Amino acid sequence: MAKNHITETEYVIMKYLWSLDHDATASEIRNHFPQRNWSKQAVSTFLKHLVKAGYLKMTRLSPTKYYYTVLISETEHNLLPVREIIKESFNDSYSNFVCALVDAHDKLSTEEIDRINKIISELDI
């Protein structure tokens, strides 16, 4: 799982990669963003950081050609800050986090309670 934060530019690249149904090359990524005028070196640097951050896997096909495979989904990326908050502010406890979200003053609808119970019952424990 990725632990590092990514830059806005790296996020733009990831959004593109998440939209694909295949691995991509640096040239394919660069060609998709002609308006940005990224150099080959710039794209390579962005991709290396995404590999180091755990977002991508790099596979060498030849001395000069690499394919990049997505390792973390967009949903997982979006949940990273929440997981960080749970770890740092709620002693790594999901129950402490949920209890803090739904305190005695909040009113959950029957539908919300049913949905939460369904999710809990479907957990692979």
N, C-alpha and C. Protein backbone atom coordinates (compact mmCIF):
# COMPACT_ATOMS: atom_id res chain seq x y z
N MET A 1 0.85 -1.18 0.00
CA MET A 1 0.00 0.00 0.00
C MET A 1 0.89 1.23 0.00
N ALA A 2 0.48 2.23 -0.72
CA ALA A 2 1.24 3.46 -0.81
C ALA A 2 1.13 4.22 0.51
N LYS A 3 2.23 4.79 0.93
CA LYS A 3 2.24 5.56 2.17
C LYS A 3 2.57 7.01 1.92
N ASN A 4 3.24 7.28 0.83
CA ASN A 4 3.68 8.64 0.55
C ASN A 4 2.58 9.43 -0.15
N HIS A 5 2.65 10.72 0.03
CA HIS A 5 1.72 11.60 -0.66
C HIS A 5 2.26 11.86 -2.06
N ILE A 6 1.38 12.11 -2.99
CA ILE A 6 1.82 12.40 -4.36
C ILE A 6 1.48 13.84 -4.70
N THR A 7 2.19 14.37 -5.68
CA THR A 7 1.97 15.76 -6.08
C THR A 7 0.72 15.85 -6.95
N GLU A 8 0.29 17.06 -7.19
CA GLU A 8 -0.88 17.29 -8.04
C GLU A 8 -0.65 16.76 -9.45
N THR A 9 0.55 16.96 -9.98
CA THR A 9 0.88 16.46 -11.32
C THR A 9 0.87 14.94 -11.35
N GLU A 10 1.42 14.32 -10.32
CA GLU A 10 1.41 12.86 -10.25
C GLU A 10 -0.02 12.33 -10.13
N TYR A 11 -0.87 13.09 -9.43
CA TYR A 11 -2.28 12.69 -9.33
C TYR A 11 -2.95 12.75 -10.70
N VAL A 12 -2.64 13.76 -11.49
CA VAL A 12 -3.20 13.88 -12.85
C VAL A 12 -2.79 12.66 -13.68
N ILE A 13 -1.53 12.26 -13.55
CA ILE A 13 -1.06 11.08 -14.27
C ILE A 13 -1.79 9.84 -13.78
N MET A 14 -1.96 9.72 -12.47
CA MET A 14 -2.67 8.55 -11.93
C MET A 14 -4.12 8.53 -12.39
N LYS A 15 -4.78 9.68 -12.43
CA LYS A 15 -6.17 9.72 -12.92
C LYS A 15 -6.24 9.14 -14.33
N TYR A 16 -5.28 9.50 -15.17
CA TYR A 16 -5.24 8.95 -16.53
C TYR A 16 -5.01 7.45 -16.49
N LEU A 17 -4.05 7.00 -15.70
CA LEU A 17 -3.75 5.57 -15.63
C LEU A 17 -4.93 4.77 -15.06
N TRP A 18 -5.63 5.34 -14.09
CA TRP A 18 -6.81 4.65 -13.54
C TRP A 18 -7.90 4.49 -14.60
N SER A 19 -7.92 5.37 -15.58
CA SER A 19 -8.96 5.31 -16.61
C SER A 19 -8.66 4.24 -17.67
N LEU A 20 -7.44 3.74 -17.70
CA LEU A 20 -7.04 2.76 -18.71
C LEU A 20 -7.37 1.34 -18.26
N ASP A 21 -7.45 0.45 -19.22
CA ASP A 21 -7.63 -0.97 -18.90
C ASP A 21 -6.39 -1.78 -19.26
N HIS A 22 -5.26 -1.09 -19.32
CA HIS A 22 -4.00 -1.75 -19.67
C HIS A 22 -2.82 -0.98 -19.06
N ASP A 23 -1.66 -1.63 -19.07
CA ASP A 23 -0.44 -0.96 -18.62
C ASP A 23 -0.08 0.12 -19.64
N ALA A 24 0.72 1.08 -19.24
CA ALA A 24 1.06 2.19 -20.13
C ALA A 24 2.57 2.43 -20.15
N THR A 25 3.02 3.02 -21.22
CA THR A 25 4.42 3.43 -21.33
C THR A 25 4.52 4.92 -21.02
N ALA A 26 5.73 5.37 -20.76
CA ALA A 26 5.96 6.79 -20.50
C ALA A 26 5.56 7.62 -21.72
N SER A 27 5.87 7.11 -22.94
CA SER A 27 5.51 7.88 -24.15
C SER A 27 4.00 7.99 -24.30
N GLU A 28 3.29 6.92 -23.96
CA GLU A 28 1.82 6.98 -24.05
C GLU A 28 1.29 8.04 -23.09
N ILE A 29 1.84 8.10 -21.91
CA ILE A 29 1.41 9.09 -20.92
C ILE A 29 1.75 10.50 -21.41
N ARG A 30 2.95 10.66 -21.88
CA ARG A 30 3.39 11.97 -22.39
C ARG A 30 2.51 12.42 -23.56
N ASN A 31 2.21 11.51 -24.47
CA ASN A 31 1.38 11.83 -25.64
C ASN A 31 -0.06 12.17 -25.26
N HIS A 32 -0.52 11.64 -24.14
CA HIS A 32 -1.89 11.93 -23.71
C HIS A 32 -2.03 13.37 -23.19
N PHE A 33 -0.91 13.98 -22.80
CA PHE A 33 -0.93 15.33 -22.24
C PHE A 33 -0.08 16.29 -23.08
N PRO A 34 -0.37 16.44 -24.37
CA PRO A 34 0.48 17.29 -25.22
C PRO A 34 0.48 18.76 -24.78
N GLN A 35 -0.61 19.21 -24.18
CA GLN A 35 -0.73 20.60 -23.76
C GLN A 35 0.22 20.94 -22.61
N ARG A 36 0.73 19.95 -21.93
CA ARG A 36 1.60 20.19 -20.78
C ARG A 36 3.07 20.32 -21.17
N ASN A 37 3.42 19.92 -22.39
CA ASN A 37 4.80 20.03 -22.87
C ASN A 37 5.83 19.43 -21.91
N TRP A 38 5.50 18.27 -21.34
CA TRP A 38 6.44 17.60 -20.45
C TRP A 38 7.58 17.01 -21.25
N SER A 39 8.78 17.14 -20.76
CA SER A 39 9.93 16.48 -21.38
C SER A 39 9.88 15.00 -21.01
N LYS A 40 10.65 14.20 -21.76
CA LYS A 40 10.75 12.77 -21.44
C LYS A 40 11.27 12.60 -20.01
N GLN A 41 12.26 13.41 -19.65
CA GLN A 41 12.86 13.33 -18.32
C GLN A 41 11.85 13.67 -17.23
N ALA A 42 11.02 14.66 -17.47
CA ALA A 42 10.01 15.05 -16.48
C ALA A 42 9.03 13.90 -16.23
N VAL A 43 8.53 13.30 -17.31
CA VAL A 43 7.59 12.18 -17.17
C VAL A 43 8.27 11.02 -16.45
N SER A 44 9.51 10.75 -16.80
CA SER A 44 10.27 9.69 -16.16
C SER A 44 10.41 9.94 -14.65
N THR A 45 10.66 11.19 -14.29
CA THR A 45 10.78 11.54 -12.88
C THR A 45 9.46 11.35 -12.15
N PHE A 46 8.36 11.80 -12.74
CA PHE A 46 7.03 11.61 -12.13
C PHE A 46 6.76 10.12 -11.91
N LEU A 47 7.04 9.32 -12.93
CA LEU A 47 6.76 7.89 -12.85
C LEU A 47 7.65 7.20 -11.82
N LYS A 48 8.91 7.60 -11.74
CA LYS A 48 9.81 7.02 -10.73
C LYS A 48 9.31 7.30 -9.32
N HIS A 49 8.81 8.51 -9.11
CA HIS A 49 8.28 8.84 -7.79
C HIS A 49 7.04 8.02 -7.49
N LEU A 50 6.17 7.82 -8.48
CA LEU A 50 4.97 7.02 -8.27
C LEU A 50 5.31 5.55 -7.99
N VAL A 51 6.37 5.06 -8.62
CA VAL A 51 6.85 3.70 -8.33
C VAL A 51 7.35 3.64 -6.89
N LYS A 52 8.18 4.61 -6.50
CA LYS A 52 8.74 4.65 -5.15
C LYS A 52 7.64 4.78 -4.10
N ALA A 53 6.58 5.52 -4.42
CA ALA A 53 5.47 5.73 -3.49
C ALA A 53 4.54 4.52 -3.41
N GLY A 54 4.73 3.53 -4.28
CA GLY A 54 3.91 2.33 -4.23
C GLY A 54 2.66 2.38 -5.09
N TYR A 55 2.53 3.40 -5.91
CA TYR A 55 1.36 3.53 -6.78
C TYR A 55 1.49 2.72 -8.06
N LEU A 56 2.72 2.55 -8.55
CA LEU A 56 2.95 1.89 -9.83
C LEU A 56 4.04 0.83 -9.69
N LYS A 57 3.99 -0.13 -10.60
CA LYS A 57 5.06 -1.11 -10.76
C LYS A 57 5.65 -0.88 -12.14
N MET A 58 6.97 -0.89 -12.22
CA MET A 58 7.65 -0.66 -13.48
C MET A 58 8.21 -2.00 -13.97
N THR A 59 7.92 -2.33 -15.24
CA THR A 59 8.43 -3.55 -15.86
C THR A 59 9.24 -3.18 -17.08
N ARG A 60 10.49 -3.64 -17.11
CA ARG A 60 11.38 -3.31 -18.23
C ARG A 60 11.15 -4.29 -19.38
N LEU A 61 10.84 -3.76 -20.56
CA LEU A 61 10.63 -4.58 -21.73
C LEU A 61 11.85 -4.60 -22.65
N SER A 62 12.61 -3.54 -22.61
CA SER A 62 13.84 -3.43 -23.40
C SER A 62 14.72 -2.41 -22.69
N PRO A 63 15.93 -2.20 -23.17
CA PRO A 63 16.80 -1.22 -22.48
C PRO A 63 16.20 0.18 -22.37
N THR A 64 15.28 0.51 -23.26
CA THR A 64 14.73 1.87 -23.23
C THR A 64 13.21 1.92 -23.07
N LYS A 65 12.55 0.78 -22.92
CA LYS A 65 11.08 0.77 -22.85
C LYS A 65 10.59 0.07 -21.59
N TYR A 66 9.71 0.78 -20.85
CA TYR A 66 9.15 0.26 -19.62
C TYR A 66 7.63 0.35 -19.70
N TYR A 67 6.97 -0.60 -19.04
CA TYR A 67 5.53 -0.52 -18.86
C TYR A 67 5.26 -0.23 -17.39
N TYR A 68 4.21 0.55 -17.15
CA TYR A 68 3.83 0.92 -15.80
C TYR A 68 2.46 0.33 -15.49
N THR A 69 2.39 -0.40 -14.38
CA THR A 69 1.17 -1.07 -13.94
C THR A 69 0.68 -0.40 -12.67
N VAL A 70 -0.61 -0.11 -12.60
CA VAL A 70 -1.22 0.51 -11.42
C VAL A 70 -1.28 -0.52 -10.29
N LEU A 71 -0.81 -0.12 -9.11
CA LEU A 71 -0.84 -1.00 -7.93
C LEU A 71 -1.88 -0.58 -6.89
N ILE A 72 -2.31 0.66 -6.95
CA ILE A 72 -3.26 1.17 -5.96
C ILE A 72 -4.44 1.79 -6.70
N SER A 73 -5.63 1.41 -6.32
CA SER A 73 -6.83 1.93 -6.99
C SER A 73 -7.09 3.37 -6.55
N GLU A 74 -7.95 4.02 -7.30
CA GLU A 74 -8.30 5.40 -6.94
C GLU A 74 -9.00 5.44 -5.59
N THR A 75 -9.84 4.44 -5.32
CA THR A 75 -10.53 4.38 -4.03
C THR A 75 -9.53 4.23 -2.90
N GLU A 76 -8.54 3.35 -3.08
CA GLU A 76 -7.51 3.18 -2.05
C GLU A 76 -6.75 4.49 -1.84
N HIS A 77 -6.43 5.17 -2.93
CA HIS A 77 -5.74 6.47 -2.82
C HIS A 77 -6.59 7.45 -2.01
N ASN A 78 -7.87 7.51 -2.31
CA ASN A 78 -8.76 8.45 -1.63
C ASN A 78 -8.90 8.14 -0.14
N LEU A 79 -8.72 6.88 0.22
CA LEU A 79 -8.85 6.48 1.63
C LEU A 79 -7.56 6.66 2.43
N LEU A 80 -6.44 6.91 1.77
CA LEU A 80 -5.17 7.06 2.49
C LEU A 80 -5.21 8.12 3.59
N PRO A 81 -5.75 9.31 3.34
CA PRO A 81 -5.79 10.31 4.43
C PRO A 81 -6.66 9.86 5.60
N VAL A 82 -7.75 9.15 5.29
CA VAL A 82 -8.64 8.67 6.36
C VAL A 82 -7.90 7.63 7.21
N ARG A 83 -7.20 6.72 6.54
CA ARG A 83 -6.44 5.70 7.28
C ARG A 83 -5.34 6.33 8.12
N GLU A 84 -4.75 7.40 7.60
CA GLU A 84 -3.71 8.11 8.36
C GLU A 84 -4.31 8.75 9.61
N ILE A 85 -5.49 9.34 9.48
CA ILE A 85 -6.17 9.95 10.63
C ILE A 85 -6.52 8.89 11.66
N ILE A 86 -7.03 7.75 11.20
CA ILE A 86 -7.37 6.66 12.13
C ILE A 86 -6.14 6.22 12.90
N LYS A 87 -5.02 6.07 12.19
CA LYS A 87 -3.79 5.62 12.83
C LYS A 87 -3.27 6.64 13.84
N GLU A 88 -3.22 7.91 13.42
CA GLU A 88 -2.60 8.93 14.25
C GLU A 88 -3.50 9.51 15.34
N SER A 89 -4.80 9.63 15.05
CA SER A 89 -5.68 10.31 15.99
C SER A 89 -6.61 9.39 16.77
N PHE A 90 -6.75 8.15 16.30
CA PHE A 90 -7.69 7.23 16.95
C PHE A 90 -7.02 5.93 17.36
N ASN A 91 -5.70 6.00 17.63
CA ASN A 91 -4.94 4.85 18.12
C ASN A 91 -5.09 3.63 17.22
N ASP A 92 -5.17 3.88 15.90
CA ASP A 92 -5.28 2.82 14.90
C ASP A 92 -6.52 1.95 15.11
N SER A 93 -7.57 2.56 15.66
CA SER A 93 -8.80 1.83 15.97
C SER A 93 -9.96 2.33 15.11
N TYR A 94 -10.46 1.45 14.26
CA TYR A 94 -11.61 1.81 13.42
C TYR A 94 -12.85 2.05 14.29
N SER A 95 -13.00 1.27 15.35
CA SER A 95 -14.19 1.45 16.19
C SER A 95 -14.15 2.80 16.89
N ASN A 96 -12.96 3.23 17.37
CA ASN A 96 -12.86 4.57 17.98
C ASN A 96 -13.22 5.65 16.96
N PHE A 97 -12.77 5.47 15.73
CA PHE A 97 -13.06 6.43 14.66
C PHE A 97 -14.56 6.50 14.37
N VAL A 98 -15.19 5.33 14.21
CA VAL A 98 -16.63 5.29 13.89
C VAL A 98 -17.43 5.86 15.05
N CYS A 99 -17.05 5.53 16.26
CA CYS A 99 -17.77 6.06 17.42
C CYS A 99 -17.66 7.59 17.50
N ALA A 100 -16.50 8.11 17.14
CA ALA A 100 -16.32 9.56 17.13
C ALA A 100 -17.18 10.21 16.05
N LEU A 101 -17.35 9.51 14.92
CA LEU A 101 -18.19 10.05 13.85
C LEU A 101 -19.66 10.06 14.23
N VAL A 102 -20.08 9.02 14.91
CA VAL A 102 -21.49 8.87 15.25
C VAL A 102 -21.61 8.92 16.77
N ASP A 103 -21.66 10.12 17.28
CA ASP A 103 -21.79 10.23 18.72
C ASP A 103 -23.27 10.26 19.11
N ALA A 104 -23.54 10.44 20.36
CA ALA A 104 -24.92 10.37 20.87
C ALA A 104 -25.83 11.43 20.27
N HIS A 105 -25.28 12.50 19.73
CA HIS A 105 -26.10 13.59 19.20
C HIS A 105 -26.52 13.35 17.75
N ASP A 106 -25.83 12.45 17.07
CA ASP A 106 -26.17 12.17 15.68
C ASP A 106 -27.31 11.18 15.60
N LYS A 107 -28.18 11.39 14.66
CA LYS A 107 -29.30 10.50 14.45
C LYS A 107 -29.11 9.77 13.13
N LEU A 108 -28.87 8.47 13.20
CA LEU A 108 -28.76 7.66 11.99
C LEU A 108 -30.14 7.16 11.61
N SER A 109 -30.40 7.16 10.33
CA SER A 109 -31.68 6.62 9.86
C SER A 109 -31.63 5.10 9.95
N THR A 110 -32.80 4.50 9.93
CA THR A 110 -32.90 3.04 9.93
C THR A 110 -32.17 2.47 8.71
N GLU A 111 -32.27 3.17 7.60
CA GLU A 111 -31.60 2.73 6.36
C GLU A 111 -30.08 2.73 6.54
N GLU A 112 -29.55 3.79 7.18
CA GLU A 112 -28.11 3.85 7.41
C GLU A 112 -27.65 2.75 8.36
N ILE A 113 -28.41 2.52 9.40
CA ILE A 113 -28.07 1.47 10.37
C ILE A 113 -28.10 0.11 9.69
N ASP A 114 -29.12 -0.13 8.88
CA ASP A 114 -29.21 -1.41 8.14
C ASP A 114 -28.02 -1.58 7.21
N ARG A 115 -27.64 -0.53 6.52
CA ARG A 115 -26.50 -0.61 5.60
C ARG A 115 -25.20 -0.91 6.35
N ILE A 116 -25.00 -0.25 7.48
CA ILE A 116 -23.81 -0.49 8.30
C ILE A 116 -23.79 -1.93 8.80
N ASN A 117 -24.93 -2.40 9.28
CA ASN A 117 -25.01 -3.79 9.77
C ASN A 117 -24.72 -4.78 8.64
N LYS A 118 -25.20 -4.50 7.44
CA LYS A 118 -24.96 -5.39 6.30
C LYS A 118 -23.46 -5.43 5.97
N ILE A 119 -22.83 -4.28 5.95
CA ILE A 119 -21.39 -4.22 5.68
C ILE A 119 -20.62 -5.02 6.72
N ILE A 120 -20.98 -4.85 8.00
CA ILE A 120 -20.30 -5.57 9.07
C ILE A 120 -20.52 -7.07 8.94
N SER A 121 -21.74 -7.48 8.61
CA SER A 121 -22.01 -8.92 8.51
C SER A 121 -21.30 -9.55 7.32
N GLU A 122 -20.95 -8.75 6.30
CA GLU A 122 -20.26 -9.27 5.12
C GLU A 122 -18.75 -9.27 5.25
N LEU A 123 -18.24 -8.73 6.36
CA LEU A 123 -16.79 -8.72 6.56
C LEU A 123 -16.29 -10.14 6.70
N ASP A 124 -15.16 -10.40 6.12
CA ASP A 124 -14.54 -11.73 6.18
C ASP A 124 -13.70 -11.81 7.45
N ILE A 125 -14.35 -12.22 8.52
CA ILE A 125 -13.67 -12.25 9.83
C ILE A 125 -13.30 -13.67 10.18
